[in-house]
């Protein structure tokens, strides 16, 4: 049972990535450090509601 989630940059708040995660294995929200094309650097991306 995987669901699609959207990741948002913490600095510029742009929605850059969509990923799938298993809700049973990872019940908390995802926090990933990824590249933001708008900021042009690696930033923390968090899952939206």
C-alpha atoms as a PDB file:
ATOM      1  CA  UNK A   1       0.000   0.000   0.000  1.00  0.00           C
ATOM      2  CA  UNK A   2       2.109   2.851  -1.316  1.00  0.00           C
ATOM      3  CA  UNK A   3       0.914   6.431  -1.578  1.00  0.00           C
ATOM      4  CA  UNK A   4       2.175   9.348  -3.620  1.00  0.00           C
ATOM      5  CA  UNK A   5       3.519  12.303  -1.611  1.00  0.00           C
ATOM      6  CA  UNK A   6       4.801  15.735  -2.632  1.00  0.00           C
ATOM      7  CA  UNK A   7       8.047  17.160  -1.256  1.00  0.00           C
ATOM      8  CA  UNK A   8       8.387  20.898  -0.595  1.00  0.00           C
ATOM      9  CA  UNK A   9      11.597  22.887  -0.231  1.00  0.00           C
ATOM     10  CA  UNK A  10      12.025  24.437   3.223  1.00  0.00           C
ATOM     11  CA  UNK A  11      13.673  27.622   1.950  1.00  0.00           C
ATOM     12  CA  UNK A  12      11.684  28.688  -1.112  1.00  0.00           C
ATOM     13  CA  UNK A  13       8.548  26.520  -0.510  1.00  0.00           C
ATOM     14  CA  UNK A  14       8.471  25.252  -4.086  1.00  0.00           C
ATOM     15  CA  UNK A  15       7.003  21.822  -4.780  1.00  0.00           C
ATOM     16  CA  UNK A  16       9.796  20.043  -6.617  1.00  0.00           C
ATOM     17  CA  UNK A  17       9.459  16.296  -6.160  1.00  0.00           C
ATOM     18  CA  UNK A  18       6.804  13.603  -6.019  1.00  0.00           C
ATOM     19  CA  UNK A  19       7.761  10.282  -4.443  1.00  0.00           C
ATOM     20  CA  UNK A  20       6.000   7.159  -3.256  1.00  0.00           C
ATOM     21  CA  UNK A  21       6.245   5.810   0.258  1.00  0.00           C
ATOM     22  CA  UNK A  22       4.859   2.891   2.187  1.00  0.00           C
ATOM     23  CA  UNK A  23       2.582   4.247   4.902  1.00  0.00           C
ATOM     24  CA  UNK A  24       2.904   1.111   7.037  1.00  0.00           C
ATOM     25  CA  UNK A  25       6.716   1.102   7.179  1.00  0.00           C
ATOM     26  CA  UNK A  26       7.171   4.868   7.565  1.00  0.00           C
ATOM     27  CA  UNK A  27       4.214   6.397   9.431  1.00  0.00           C
ATOM     28  CA  UNK A  28       5.967   9.741  10.099  1.00  0.00           C
ATOM     29  CA  UNK A  29       6.483  12.395   7.448  1.00  0.00           C
ATOM     30  CA  UNK A  30       9.439  12.165   5.111  1.00  0.00           C
ATOM     31  CA  UNK A  31      12.367  14.572   5.439  1.00  0.00           C
ATOM     32  CA  UNK A  32      14.949  14.304   2.658  1.00  0.00           C
ATOM     33  CA  UNK A  33      17.859  16.492   1.621  1.00  0.00           C
ATOM     34  CA  UNK A  34      17.532  16.997  -2.142  1.00  0.00           C
ATOM     35  CA  UNK A  35      18.553  19.480  -4.815  1.00  0.00           C
ATOM     36  CA  UNK A  36      16.207  22.432  -5.345  1.00  0.00           C
ATOM     37  CA  UNK A  37      16.387  23.860  -8.882  1.00  0.00           C
ATOM     38  CA  UNK A  38      14.882  27.174  -7.776  1.00  0.00           C
ATOM     39  CA  UNK A  39      17.393  27.719  -4.931  1.00  0.00           C
ATOM     40  CA  UNK A  40      20.152  26.065  -6.993  1.00  0.00           C
ATOM     41  CA  UNK A  41      21.493  24.152  -3.970  1.00  0.00           C
ATOM     42  CA  UNK A  42      20.787  21.147  -1.756  1.00  0.00           C
ATOM     43  CA  UNK A  43      18.086  21.876   0.817  1.00  0.00           C
ATOM     44  CA  UNK A  44      15.805  19.974   3.151  1.00  0.00           C
ATOM     45  CA  UNK A  45      12.541  18.851   1.552  1.00  0.00           C
ATOM     46  CA  UNK A  46       9.572  17.851   3.693  1.00  0.00           C
ATOM     47  CA  UNK A  47       6.394  16.010   2.872  1.00  0.00           C
ATOM     48  CA  UNK A  48       3.243  18.115   2.470  1.00  0.00           C
ATOM     49  CA  UNK A  49      -0.155  17.321   3.946  1.00  0.00           C
END
